[in-house]
Amino acid sequence: MSDISHFSGITRRRILQMMALSPLLTSLPVLSASRPDLSRIIALEWLPAELLIALGVMPLAIADIRNYNIWVAEPPLAPGVIDVGQRTEPNMELIQQLKPSLVLLTQGYGPATAQLETIAPVLSVKANDGSAKPLDLAIRSLHKLADTLGLQDRAEQHLQRYQDTLARTREQLKPVAQQPLLLITFIDPRHVLVFGQGSMLHEVMNDVGLTNAWQGEGSFWGSVSVGVERLAAIKNARVLCFDHDSADIMKAVEKTPLWKSMPFVRANQFTVIPAVWYYGATFSAMHFCNILTNTLRKPV
């Protein structure tokens, strides 16, 4: 290190500030040069798992694979991905044994960052920032992860595919875009989750020129639980229901006089569609676009 006399024009306070910063300053080149081992990344929540796969990297492990396959489904996981338990309470001992190079979290969900940092570096992303534009936030998160992994080129390639998918879907759905669309999934035989403004699904619908039939109350997450009877007010709309292992619920609902009286049921405008992770990112959005195209262009 240079002799202190070389800094004769610098105040004592400035020298102390430089000394306090020196550990950070000297570590920065190491951080920028060192990248996590791409084969040893664990995702403890499904949003960062999707972001990672969008960059062409399959996680070493994720939390709750069984429910991932039910609620997310796309992108699919490789057969060898390890299950590390529940998203809220993962198996910390197993995570430590796997010796991850990086652990991915969704901010405010799951174990505390400080707890995981004793095992490996941690990167967290936000699922919602209150902007009602979850896909814009997801794109920023994708860039954040790509910067960390040195995969900016893959991020740009993925986002180009995403934009191309939106444009293609918008063009393909023009003939059916005049009919409003309602999106639901069953919670139980008496309640559904309805998706409105602020949800990823609503954002996609706007981007491809579709109108959301739900004009009722909303929430921070863009989804709201309502009684099935509320759907009777939905008229002249196509209704799509996501299948999240809900066949038994549907069988019970379909037998009820209330369901049989629904305007969209009588008009044969109700369709069950494959699962989409409605709190997902651009990969989920493209999956939703493909479902919209395949479903809405078919005669009912």
Protein backbone atom coordinates (compact mmCIF):
# COMPACT_ATOMS: atom_id res chain seq x y z
CA MET A 1 0.00 0.00 0.00
CA SER A 2 1.24 3.53 -0.79
CA ASP A 3 2.84 5.52 2.04
CA ILE A 4 0.50 7.86 3.93
CA SER A 5 2.63 10.84 2.96
CA HIS A 6 1.29 10.52 -0.57
CA PHE A 7 -2.10 11.71 0.79
CA SER A 8 -0.83 14.86 2.51
CA GLY A 9 -3.57 16.93 0.89
CA ILE A 10 -6.36 14.72 2.24
CA THR A 11 -8.03 15.40 5.57
CA ARG A 12 -7.91 12.91 8.43
CA ARG A 13 -11.68 12.38 8.09
CA ARG A 14 -11.28 11.48 4.42
CA ILE A 15 -8.50 9.00 5.23
CA LEU A 16 -10.71 7.35 7.85
CA GLN A 17 -13.55 7.13 5.35
CA MET A 18 -11.28 5.47 2.81
CA MET A 19 -10.02 3.01 5.40
CA ALA A 20 -13.59 2.13 6.37
CA LEU A 21 -14.48 1.53 2.74
CA SER A 22 -11.33 -0.39 1.86
CA PRO A 23 -12.66 -3.91 2.62
CA LEU A 24 -15.62 -3.26 0.31
CA LEU A 25 -13.48 -1.69 -2.38
CA THR A 26 -10.99 -4.53 -2.41
CA SER A 27 -13.73 -7.13 -2.53
CA LEU A 28 -15.52 -5.69 -5.54
CA PRO A 29 -13.17 -7.07 -8.21
CA VAL A 30 -13.44 -10.53 -6.63
CA LEU A 31 -17.26 -10.39 -6.67
CA SER A 32 -17.38 -9.27 -10.27
CA ALA A 33 -14.96 -11.99 -11.38
CA SER A 34 -16.50 -14.83 -9.39
CA ARG A 35 -19.76 -16.30 -10.64
CA PRO A 36 -21.94 -18.90 -8.90
CA ASP A 37 -21.61 -22.46 -10.15
CA LEU A 38 -24.66 -22.75 -12.44
CA SER A 39 -25.10 -26.42 -11.60
CA ARG A 40 -25.52 -25.75 -7.87
CA ILE A 41 -28.22 -23.08 -7.60
CA ILE A 42 -31.23 -23.68 -5.33
CA ALA A 43 -34.53 -21.83 -5.77
CA LEU A 44 -36.74 -21.79 -2.67
CA GLU A 45 -39.70 -20.13 -4.39
CA TRP A 46 -41.29 -20.72 -7.76
CA LEU A 47 -40.86 -17.23 -9.20
CA PRO A 48 -37.04 -17.25 -9.05
CA ALA A 49 -37.09 -20.88 -10.22
CA GLU A 50 -38.92 -19.72 -13.34
CA LEU A 51 -36.49 -16.84 -13.86
CA LEU A 52 -33.55 -19.22 -13.59
CA ILE A 53 -35.02 -21.66 -16.11
CA ALA A 54 -35.75 -18.74 -18.46
CA LEU A 55 -31.98 -18.20 -18.51
CA GLY A 56 -31.45 -21.82 -19.54
CA VAL A 57 -30.31 -22.99 -16.10
CA MET A 58 -32.08 -25.85 -14.34
CA PRO A 59 -31.99 -25.49 -10.54
CA LEU A 60 -30.18 -28.10 -8.50
CA ALA A 61 -33.16 -28.11 -6.12
CA ILE A 62 -36.40 -26.27 -5.49
CA ALA A 63 -39.03 -26.32 -2.76
CA ASP A 64 -42.31 -28.25 -3.01
CA ILE A 65 -41.96 -30.02 -6.36
CA ARG A 66 -45.32 -31.78 -6.04
CA ASN A 67 -47.25 -28.51 -5.87
CA TYR A 68 -44.98 -26.91 -8.48
CA ASN A 69 -46.16 -29.57 -10.92
CA ILE A 70 -49.80 -28.85 -10.01
CA TRP A 71 -49.80 -25.05 -9.87
CA VAL A 72 -46.97 -24.08 -12.22
CA ALA A 73 -46.32 -27.01 -14.59
CA GLU A 74 -44.55 -24.82 -17.17
CA PRO A 75 -41.61 -24.56 -17.38
CA PRO A 76 -41.21 -28.24 -16.51
CA LEU A 77 -38.51 -29.39 -14.10
CA ALA A 78 -35.82 -31.89 -15.03
CA PRO A 79 -36.31 -35.33 -13.42
CA GLY A 80 -33.17 -34.96 -11.29
CA VAL A 81 -34.19 -31.73 -9.51
CA ILE A 82 -34.15 -32.28 -5.74
CA ASP A 83 -37.07 -31.37 -3.47
CA VAL A 84 -35.95 -29.45 -0.37
CA GLY A 85 -39.32 -29.35 1.40
CA GLN A 86 -41.90 -26.62 1.81
CA ARG A 87 -41.41 -23.13 0.43
CA THR A 88 -42.15 -21.53 3.80
CA GLU A 89 -40.07 -24.00 5.85
CA PRO A 90 -37.50 -25.76 3.65
CA ASN A 91 -35.17 -28.45 4.93
CA MET A 92 -32.19 -26.35 5.99
CA GLU A 93 -30.03 -29.37 6.75
CA LEU A 94 -30.55 -30.77 3.27
CA ILE A 95 -29.85 -27.37 1.70
CA GLN A 96 -26.56 -27.21 3.61
CA GLN A 97 -25.63 -30.74 2.49
CA LEU A 98 -26.21 -29.79 -1.15
CA LYS A 99 -23.55 -27.05 -0.88
CA PRO A 100 -25.31 -24.53 -3.15
CA SER A 101 -23.38 -21.80 -4.92
CA LEU A 102 -26.42 -19.50 -4.69
CA VAL A 103 -29.86 -19.59 -3.06
CA LEU A 104 -32.74 -17.75 -4.72
CA LEU A 105 -35.66 -16.32 -2.74
CA THR A 106 -38.77 -14.27 -3.26
CA GLN A 107 -38.56 -11.27 -0.96
CA GLY A 108 -40.70 -11.65 2.15
CA TYR A 109 -41.46 -15.32 1.52
CA GLY A 110 -39.79 -18.29 3.18
CA PRO A 111 -36.81 -18.37 5.53
CA ALA A 112 -34.91 -15.26 6.55
CA THR A 113 -32.05 -14.18 4.31
CA ALA A 114 -29.67 -14.02 7.27
CA GLN A 115 -30.38 -17.66 8.09
CA LEU A 116 -29.57 -18.80 4.54
CA GLU A 117 -26.47 -16.62 4.22
CA THR A 118 -24.71 -18.92 6.69
CA ILE A 119 -24.96 -21.58 3.97
CA ALA A 120 -24.48 -19.72 0.67
CA PRO A 121 -24.87 -16.33 -1.02
CA VAL A 122 -28.51 -15.31 -1.37
CA LEU A 123 -30.29 -13.36 -4.09
CA SER A 124 -33.89 -12.29 -3.57
CA VAL A 125 -36.41 -10.91 -6.06
CA LYS A 126 -39.72 -9.12 -5.56
CA ALA A 127 -43.00 -10.69 -6.62
CA ASN A 128 -44.98 -7.45 -6.38
CA ASP A 129 -44.12 -3.79 -5.91
CA GLY A 130 -47.64 -2.37 -5.96
CA SER A 131 -47.25 -0.98 -9.48
CA ALA A 132 -49.93 -3.31 -10.92
CA LYS A 133 -47.30 -4.27 -13.52
CA PRO A 134 -45.91 -7.60 -12.27
CA LEU A 135 -44.38 -8.48 -15.63
CA ASP A 136 -42.39 -5.25 -15.75
CA LEU A 137 -41.07 -6.14 -12.30
CA ALA A 138 -40.34 -9.71 -13.41
CA ILE A 139 -38.30 -8.43 -16.35
CA ARG A 140 -36.20 -6.29 -14.01
CA SER A 141 -35.72 -9.34 -11.78
CA LEU A 142 -34.65 -11.40 -14.78
CA HIS A 143 -31.99 -8.81 -15.61
CA LYS A 144 -30.87 -8.77 -11.97
CA LEU A 145 -30.41 -12.54 -11.95
CA ALA A 146 -28.75 -12.50 -15.39
CA ASP A 147 -26.25 -9.89 -14.18
CA THR A 148 -25.40 -12.04 -11.17
CA LEU A 149 -24.86 -15.13 -13.31
CA GLY A 150 -23.21 -13.44 -16.29
CA LEU A 151 -26.06 -14.52 -18.60
CA GLN A 152 -27.22 -11.19 -20.00
CA ASP A 153 -27.24 -12.54 -23.56
CA ARG A 154 -29.62 -15.33 -22.57
CA ALA A 155 -31.90 -12.83 -20.84
CA GLU A 156 -32.11 -10.74 -24.01
CA GLN A 157 -32.82 -13.82 -26.12
CA HIS A 158 -35.58 -14.92 -23.75
CA LEU A 159 -37.17 -11.47 -23.67
CA GLN A 160 -37.12 -11.29 -27.46
CA ARG A 161 -39.02 -14.60 -27.57
CA TYR A 162 -41.44 -13.17 -25.02
CA GLN A 163 -42.10 -10.03 -27.09
CA ASP A 164 -42.47 -12.13 -30.25
CA THR A 165 -45.00 -14.36 -28.47
CA LEU A 166 -47.07 -11.36 -27.37
CA ALA A 167 -47.09 -9.92 -30.89
CA ARG A 168 -48.02 -13.26 -32.48
CA THR A 169 -50.78 -13.89 -29.92
CA ARG A 170 -52.22 -10.40 -30.39
CA GLU A 171 -52.46 -10.98 -34.14
CA GLN A 172 -53.92 -14.49 -33.82
CA LEU A 173 -56.62 -13.40 -31.33
CA LYS A 174 -57.90 -10.40 -33.25
CA PRO A 175 -60.94 -12.32 -34.58
CA VAL A 176 -62.12 -13.14 -31.02
CA ALA A 177 -60.86 -10.08 -29.14
CA GLN A 178 -64.29 -8.43 -28.98
CA GLN A 179 -65.62 -10.94 -26.41
CA PRO A 180 -64.70 -10.22 -22.76
CA LEU A 181 -62.83 -12.95 -20.94
CA LEU A 182 -63.12 -14.04 -17.31
CA LEU A 183 -60.32 -16.01 -15.65
CA ILE A 184 -60.96 -18.12 -12.55
CA THR A 185 -59.68 -21.06 -10.57
CA PHE A 186 -61.62 -22.99 -7.94
CA ILE A 187 -60.57 -22.76 -4.30
CA ASP A 188 -63.35 -25.08 -3.11
CA PRO A 189 -66.86 -25.93 -4.40
CA ARG A 190 -68.22 -22.59 -3.14
CA HIS A 191 -65.38 -20.15 -3.90
CA VAL A 192 -63.30 -19.14 -6.87
CA LEU A 193 -60.24 -16.96 -7.29
CA VAL A 194 -60.90 -14.30 -9.93
CA PHE A 195 -58.09 -12.43 -11.69
CA GLY A 196 -58.34 -8.72 -12.35
CA GLN A 197 -56.23 -5.60 -12.67
CA GLY A 198 -52.78 -5.95 -11.14
CA SER A 199 -52.41 -9.64 -11.92
CA MET A 200 -49.92 -11.06 -14.38
CA LEU A 201 -52.80 -12.60 -16.32
CA HIS A 202 -54.57 -9.25 -16.66
CA GLU A 203 -51.37 -7.65 -17.88
CA VAL A 204 -51.01 -10.29 -20.58
CA MET A 205 -54.64 -9.84 -21.62
CA ASN A 206 -54.06 -6.13 -22.06
CA ASP A 207 -50.91 -6.75 -24.06
CA VAL A 208 -52.67 -9.10 -26.50
CA GLY A 209 -55.79 -6.95 -26.92
CA LEU A 210 -58.29 -8.84 -24.72
CA THR A 211 -60.81 -7.33 -22.29
CA ASN A 212 -61.12 -8.62 -18.75
CA ALA A 213 -64.76 -9.35 -17.87
CA TRP A 214 -64.08 -8.90 -14.16
CA GLN A 215 -64.89 -5.35 -13.14
CA GLY A 216 -65.41 -6.03 -9.44
CA GLU A 217 -63.14 -5.55 -6.47
CA GLY A 218 -59.41 -6.23 -6.63
CA SER A 219 -56.42 -6.65 -4.37
CA PHE A 220 -52.72 -5.90 -4.11
CA TRP A 221 -52.03 -9.17 -5.94
CA GLY A 222 -54.67 -8.66 -8.62
CA SER A 223 -56.73 -11.65 -7.52
CA VAL A 224 -59.73 -11.90 -5.22
CA SER A 225 -61.71 -14.76 -3.69
CA VAL A 226 -65.46 -14.57 -4.32
CA GLY A 227 -68.45 -16.85 -3.88
CA VAL A 228 -69.42 -18.88 -6.93
CA GLU A 229 -72.82 -17.16 -6.94
CA ARG A 230 -71.08 -13.88 -7.92
CA LEU A 231 -70.31 -15.37 -11.32
CA ALA A 232 -73.99 -15.27 -12.23
CA ALA A 233 -73.56 -11.56 -12.95
CA ILE A 234 -71.03 -12.31 -15.71
CA LYS A 235 -72.85 -12.18 -19.05
CA ASN A 236 -71.71 -12.33 -22.67
CA ALA A 237 -68.22 -13.45 -21.61
CA ARG A 238 -66.03 -16.45 -22.23
CA VAL A 239 -64.92 -18.04 -18.95
CA LEU A 240 -61.63 -19.93 -18.62
CA CYS A 241 -60.92 -21.96 -15.50
CA PHE A 242 -57.38 -23.06 -14.64
CA ASP A 243 -57.06 -26.72 -13.69
CA HIS A 244 -54.97 -26.99 -10.54
CA ASP A 245 -55.73 -30.61 -9.69
CA SER A 246 -59.34 -29.52 -9.24
CA ALA A 247 -61.23 -32.27 -11.08
CA ASP A 248 -63.03 -33.43 -7.92
CA ILE A 249 -64.15 -29.88 -7.14
CA MET A 250 -65.45 -29.42 -10.67
CA LYS A 251 -67.43 -32.66 -10.51
CA ALA A 252 -69.16 -31.44 -7.35
CA VAL A 253 -69.84 -27.97 -8.75
CA GLU A 254 -71.21 -29.15 -12.09
CA LYS A 255 -74.04 -31.02 -10.37
CA THR A 256 -75.46 -27.95 -8.64
CA PRO A 257 -78.47 -26.03 -9.97
CA LEU A 258 -76.58 -22.78 -9.36
CA TRP A 259 -73.77 -23.77 -11.71
CA LYS A 260 -76.13 -25.06 -14.36
CA SER A 261 -77.91 -21.70 -14.32
CA MET A 262 -74.78 -19.64 -14.99
CA PRO A 263 -75.13 -17.62 -18.25
CA PHE A 264 -71.74 -18.77 -19.54
CA VAL A 265 -72.55 -22.41 -18.78
CA ARG A 266 -75.90 -22.25 -20.58
CA ALA A 267 -74.18 -20.55 -23.52
CA ASN A 268 -71.42 -23.19 -23.60
CA GLN A 269 -68.80 -20.52 -22.96
CA PHE A 270 -66.96 -22.26 -20.11
CA THR A 271 -63.64 -24.06 -20.65
CA VAL A 272 -61.19 -25.73 -18.28
CA ILE A 273 -57.61 -24.98 -19.30
CA PRO A 274 -54.16 -26.18 -18.13
CA ALA A 275 -52.46 -24.68 -15.10
CA VAL A 276 -50.63 -21.36 -15.33
CA TRP A 277 -48.69 -19.93 -12.40
CA TYR A 278 -50.56 -16.67 -12.05
CA TYR A 279 -47.84 -15.15 -9.84
CA GLY A 280 -45.21 -16.10 -12.39
CA ALA A 281 -43.04 -14.20 -14.84
CA THR A 282 -42.45 -14.07 -18.59
CA PHE A 283 -42.23 -17.86 -19.00
CA SER A 284 -45.66 -18.23 -17.39
CA ALA A 285 -46.93 -15.36 -19.55
CA MET A 286 -45.82 -17.12 -22.74
CA HIS A 287 -47.43 -20.36 -21.55
CA PHE A 288 -50.65 -18.41 -20.96
CA CYS A 289 -50.43 -16.91 -24.46
CA ASN A 290 -50.17 -20.37 -26.01
CA ILE A 291 -53.19 -21.54 -24.01
CA LEU A 292 -55.21 -18.48 -25.07
CA THR A 293 -54.40 -19.07 -28.72
CA ASN A 294 -55.18 -22.79 -28.60
CA THR A 295 -58.41 -22.27 -26.64
CA LEU A 296 -60.03 -19.12 -27.95
CA ARG A 297 -59.58 -19.91 -31.61
CA LYS A 298 -61.44 -23.21 -31.26
CA PRO A 299 -65.22 -23.19 -31.77
CA VAL A 300 -67.23 -23.85 -28.59
